[in-house]
Protein backbone atom coordinates (compact mmCIF):
# COMPACT_ATOMS: atom_id res chain seq x y z
CA MET A 1 113.15 143.22 146.61
CA ILE A 2 116.34 142.08 148.30
CA ALA A 3 118.31 142.78 145.12
CA PHE A 4 116.82 146.30 145.04
CA LEU A 5 117.86 147.06 148.62
CA LEU A 6 121.37 145.77 148.01
CA SER A 7 121.60 147.95 144.89
CA VAL A 8 120.58 151.03 146.93
CA ALA A 9 123.17 150.17 149.55
CA LEU A 10 125.78 149.85 146.84
CA MET A 11 124.92 153.30 145.48
CA LEU A 12 125.25 154.83 148.95
CA ALA A 13 128.58 153.14 149.44
CA ASP A 14 129.82 154.67 146.19
CA HIS A 15 128.70 158.08 147.40
CA TYR A 16 130.72 158.00 150.63
CA GLY A 17 134.08 157.32 149.09
CA ARG A 18 136.88 154.89 148.81
CA TYR A 19 136.73 153.55 152.32
CA THR A 20 133.74 151.61 151.24
CA GLU A 21 135.56 149.70 148.47
CA THR A 22 135.59 146.55 150.52
CA LEU A 23 131.89 146.90 151.24
CA HIS A 24 131.24 147.68 147.53
CA ALA A 25 132.95 144.50 146.43
CA THR A 26 131.01 142.49 148.97
CA LEU A 27 127.66 143.98 147.95
CA THR A 28 128.42 143.52 144.25
CA THR A 29 129.16 139.86 144.90
CA LEU A 30 125.75 139.52 146.57
CA VAL A 31 123.73 141.56 144.06
CA ILE A 32 124.75 139.74 140.84
CA PRO A 33 123.37 136.30 141.83
CA LEU A 34 120.21 137.88 143.20
CA GLU A 35 119.61 139.79 139.93
CA GLU A 36 120.07 136.59 137.99
CA ILE A 37 117.57 134.89 140.27
CA ALA A 38 115.15 137.80 139.85
CA HIS A 39 115.28 137.46 136.05
CA TYR A 40 114.93 133.68 136.08
CA PRO A 41 111.08 133.60 135.76
CA GLU A 42 111.23 135.85 132.69
CA GLN A 43 113.97 133.72 131.13
CA LEU A 44 112.04 130.57 131.96
CA SER A 45 108.93 131.98 130.26
CA LEU A 46 110.89 132.87 127.14
CA TRP A 47 112.46 129.44 127.09
CA LEU A 48 109.08 127.76 127.40
CA GLN A 49 107.65 129.86 124.56
CA HIS A 50 110.62 129.02 122.41
CA SER A 51 110.40 125.34 123.24
CA GLN A 52 106.63 125.22 122.39
CA THR A 53 107.01 126.84 118.98
CA PRO A 54 107.96 123.63 117.11
CA LEU A 55 104.97 121.83 118.70
CA ASP A 56 102.61 124.61 117.66
CA ARG A 57 104.00 124.50 114.15
CA LEU A 58 103.58 120.75 114.09
CA LYS A 59 99.95 121.13 115.13
CA GLN A 60 99.36 123.74 112.43
CA GLU A 61 101.00 121.55 109.79
CA ASN A 62 98.93 118.59 110.93
CA GLN A 63 95.72 120.63 110.69
CA LYS A 64 96.72 121.88 107.25
CA LEU A 65 97.43 118.34 106.05
CA HIS A 66 94.11 117.16 107.49
CA THR A 67 92.25 119.91 105.62
CA GLU A 68 94.08 119.16 102.37
CA ASN A 69 93.30 115.46 102.82
CA LEU A 70 89.58 116.21 103.18
CA LEU A 71 89.66 118.41 100.09
CA LEU A 72 91.42 115.69 98.10
CA LYS A 73 88.86 113.12 99.21
CA GLU A 74 86.04 115.42 98.12
CA GLN A 75 87.72 115.91 94.74
CA ILE A 76 88.15 112.15 94.34
CA LEU A 77 84.48 111.58 95.15
CA ALA A 78 83.48 114.29 92.68
CA LEU A 79 85.67 112.78 89.97
CA SER A 80 84.22 109.35 90.68
CA HIS A 81 80.70 110.78 90.39
CA TYR A 82 81.52 112.52 87.12
CA GLN A 83 83.13 109.37 85.75
CA THR A 84 80.05 107.31 86.63
CA GLU A 85 77.84 109.99 85.13
CA ALA A 86 79.91 110.01 81.93
CA GLU A 87 79.70 106.22 81.68
CA ARG A 88 75.92 106.32 82.10
CA LEU A 89 75.58 109.01 79.47
CA GLN A 90 77.81 107.05 77.14
CA GLN A 91 75.63 103.98 77.60
CA LEU A 92 72.51 106.07 77.13
CA LEU A 93 73.79 107.75 73.98
CA GLY A 94 75.06 104.39 72.72
CA THR A 95 71.44 103.37 72.20
CA THR A 96 71.04 106.05 69.54
CA ALA A 97 72.92 103.82 67.10
CA THR A 98 69.74 101.73 66.82
CA LEU A 99 67.46 104.76 66.57
CA VAL A 100 68.37 106.05 63.13
CA HIS A 101 64.78 107.10 62.39
CA TYR A 102 64.22 108.85 65.72
CA GLN A 103 65.44 112.11 67.20
CA PRO A 104 66.47 111.46 70.83
CA GLN A 105 66.51 114.14 73.52
CA ILE A 106 68.11 113.64 76.94
CA ALA A 107 65.88 114.31 79.96
CA GLU A 108 66.30 113.91 83.70
CA VAL A 109 63.86 112.16 86.02
CA ILE A 110 62.57 114.58 88.68
CA PHE A 111 59.92 112.36 90.26
CA SER A 112 59.06 108.67 90.36
CA SER A 113 55.77 107.17 91.50
CA ARG A 114 56.33 103.77 93.10
CA LEU A 115 52.69 103.01 93.92
CA PRO A 116 51.84 99.44 92.83
CA PHE A 117 49.08 100.47 90.41
CA SER A 118 50.21 103.99 89.50
CA GLN A 119 53.65 103.75 87.98
CA TYR A 120 55.02 106.77 86.19
CA LEU A 121 57.94 109.20 86.01
CA GLU A 122 58.15 112.97 85.78
CA ILE A 123 60.90 114.36 83.56
CA ASP A 124 62.32 117.88 83.24
CA LYS A 125 61.40 118.39 79.58
CA GLY A 126 58.08 119.71 78.32
CA LYS A 127 56.37 121.68 75.59
CA LEU A 128 59.10 124.33 75.57
CA ASP A 129 61.49 121.50 74.65
CA HIS A 130 59.14 120.31 71.87
CA ILE A 131 57.98 117.27 73.85
CA GLN A 132 54.55 115.94 72.88
CA SER A 133 52.19 113.35 74.27
CA GLY A 134 52.76 109.84 72.91
CA GLN A 135 56.56 109.90 72.55
CA ALA A 136 58.59 106.81 73.47
CA VAL A 137 60.95 107.07 76.45
CA VAL A 138 63.90 104.69 76.83
CA ASP A 139 67.04 104.27 78.90
CA SER A 140 70.31 102.54 78.03
CA GLU A 141 68.75 99.10 78.63
CA GLY A 142 65.25 99.17 77.20
CA ILE A 143 61.89 100.85 76.84
CA LEU A 144 60.53 102.68 79.90
CA GLY A 145 57.18 103.95 78.64
CA GLN A 146 55.68 106.91 76.81
CA THR A 147 54.84 110.52 77.53
CA THR A 148 51.24 111.36 78.47
CA THR A 149 50.57 114.68 80.22
CA VAL A 150 52.91 117.43 78.97
CA THR A 151 53.34 120.84 80.60
CA PRO A 152 55.61 123.70 79.45
CA PHE A 153 58.46 122.57 81.70
CA SER A 154 57.86 118.89 82.44
CA SER A 155 56.19 115.71 81.23
CA ARG A 156 54.70 112.59 82.75
CA VAL A 157 55.95 109.24 81.46
CA LEU A 158 53.54 106.34 81.87
CA LEU A 159 55.71 103.30 82.60
CA ILE A 160 55.18 100.03 80.75
CA THR A 161 54.47 98.38 84.13
CA ASP A 162 51.43 100.59 84.79
CA PRO A 163 48.11 98.68 84.37
CA ASP A 164 46.90 101.35 81.93
CA HIS A 165 49.82 100.76 79.55
CA GLN A 166 49.77 98.33 76.64
CA MET A 167 52.16 97.92 73.73
CA PRO A 168 52.51 95.54 70.78
CA VAL A 169 55.59 93.33 71.07
CA ARG A 170 57.18 90.19 69.68
CA ILE A 171 59.44 87.39 70.90
CA ARG A 172 62.89 88.04 69.49
CA ARG A 173 63.78 84.34 69.19
CA THR A 174 60.64 83.30 67.29
CA GLY A 175 59.12 86.56 66.01
CA GLN A 176 55.76 85.68 67.53
CA ARG A 177 53.64 88.74 68.31
CA GLY A 178 51.66 89.53 71.40
CA MET A 179 50.43 92.38 73.59
CA LEU A 180 52.45 93.40 76.65
CA THR A 181 50.39 94.85 79.50
CA GLY A 182 51.50 96.34 82.81
CA ILE A 183 50.18 94.70 85.97
CA GLY A 184 51.80 96.99 88.54
CA HIS A 185 54.44 96.04 91.10
CA ASP A 186 57.10 96.49 88.35
CA LYS A 187 55.68 93.47 86.50
CA LEU A 188 54.19 92.74 83.08
CA LYS A 189 52.06 90.10 81.40
CA LEU A 190 52.19 88.91 77.81
CA ASP A 191 48.70 88.42 76.37
CA PHE A 192 47.32 86.50 73.39
CA ILE A 193 50.01 83.81 73.23
CA PRO A 194 48.38 80.51 72.13
CA GLN A 195 48.91 77.31 74.14
CA HIS A 196 50.94 75.64 71.38
CA SER A 197 53.44 78.53 71.15
CA ASN A 198 57.21 77.92 71.28
CA LEU A 199 57.96 79.98 74.35
CA LYS A 200 60.71 79.72 76.99
CA VAL A 201 61.50 81.35 80.31
CA GLY A 202 64.19 83.95 79.65
CA ASP A 203 63.00 84.76 76.12
CA LEU A 204 63.55 88.41 75.23
CA ILE A 205 60.49 90.47 74.40
CA GLU A 206 61.10 93.38 72.04
CA SER A 207 58.99 96.10 70.49
CA SER A 208 57.29 95.11 67.26
CA GLY A 209 57.25 98.64 65.82
CA LEU A 210 53.50 98.46 65.21
CA GLY A 211 51.71 101.70 65.98
CA GLY A 212 54.75 103.88 65.27
CA VAL A 213 55.33 104.93 68.91
CA PHE A 214 58.15 102.60 69.89
CA PRO A 215 61.21 101.80 67.77
CA LEU A 216 61.29 98.39 66.09
CA GLY A 217 63.32 95.68 67.83
CA PHE A 218 64.10 97.61 71.03
CA PRO A 219 64.36 95.45 74.22
CA VAL A 220 61.34 95.60 76.51
CA ALA A 221 61.19 92.64 78.90
CA LYS A 222 62.21 89.06 79.68
CA ILE A 223 59.82 86.19 80.41
CA ASP A 224 59.67 85.03 84.04
CA HIS A 225 56.92 82.41 84.17
CA ILE A 226 54.82 80.44 81.69
CA THR A 227 51.66 78.72 82.88
CA ALA A 228 49.20 76.72 80.80
CA GLN A 229 45.56 77.21 81.80
CA PRO A 230 43.35 74.25 80.77
CA ALA A 231 40.26 76.43 80.40
CA SER A 232 42.01 79.06 78.26
CA PRO A 233 43.37 78.89 74.71
CA TYR A 234 46.19 81.20 75.75
CA LEU A 235 49.24 80.81 77.97
CA GLU A 236 49.59 82.86 81.12
CA VAL A 237 52.93 84.62 80.75
CA THR A 238 54.56 87.10 83.13
CA ALA A 239 57.73 89.13 82.54
CA HIS A 240 59.96 91.77 84.10
CA PRO A 241 61.12 94.98 82.34
CA ILE A 242 64.63 95.29 80.89
CA ALA A 243 64.82 99.04 81.55
CA LYS A 244 65.89 100.23 85.00
CA ILE A 245 62.40 101.15 86.09
CA THR A 246 63.29 101.78 89.73
CA SER A 247 66.71 103.41 89.42
CA THR A 248 67.12 105.26 86.13
CA TYR A 249 67.28 109.05 86.28
CA LYS A 250 68.48 110.01 82.80
CA VAL A 251 66.38 108.98 79.83
CA LEU A 252 65.96 109.54 76.12
CA VAL A 253 62.71 110.95 74.77
CA LEU A 254 62.20 109.88 71.15
CA THR A 255 60.27 111.73 68.51
CA LYS A 256 58.13 109.77 66.07
CA PRO A 257 59.82 108.60 62.86
CA ARG A 258 60.56 111.44 60.43
CA GLN A 259 58.66 109.69 57.64
CA SER A 260 55.45 109.70 59.67
CA GLN A 261 55.90 113.39 60.49
CA THR A 262 56.15 114.38 56.84
CA LYS A 263 52.93 112.58 55.84
């Protein structure tokens, strides 16, 4: 305001002639500093905006780098998942080398019953995929069970640990045959093994091939305990499954041998 009044006075002095030259010089000397002071807030604001620009850019760059870092982490996790998945599939498909008389089909587990005395899986393959009741189901480690109820889009797999499941087996080390029965709780028992049998804890139980459902010589279970019962002619033998009963989610469904299909 003061600068404005001095400017008006200066204009009036110019209007009334030369005798005001001294006054004009004096007013000019006063007006210039006041104008500079009047513009100082604007200059200060511009300076502050200019000085904050590098900080804003730094914040933007930091946010950009943070976002890129998150995206890279997600990509790494995805690649790790795909690598693990590829390794599992490779292991699963590696079992087909021993299944020369069977036609394997990959299926995914969509449900798992963990009840102690009702142990089964649901898989995403059914009649439309040419799945039938009574087909063997295995993973990369061993035999899981066999298909029972089959719908157009899915099938139920009765696990070998279910009390309703039985299969003929043999001891790999000795060749002795027996019957493997599920007892629930992810456990099995080996029946009809005489007291005098050469049996050891840790012995591998494999499929005998009898009945034509399961492939010959495929791993099934390992012996946990052996107990001799004085009143029984047979040993009491318990075992645990080789297959990943509680964690597998990709399996192979096997058709019956081609020779039996052509008969």
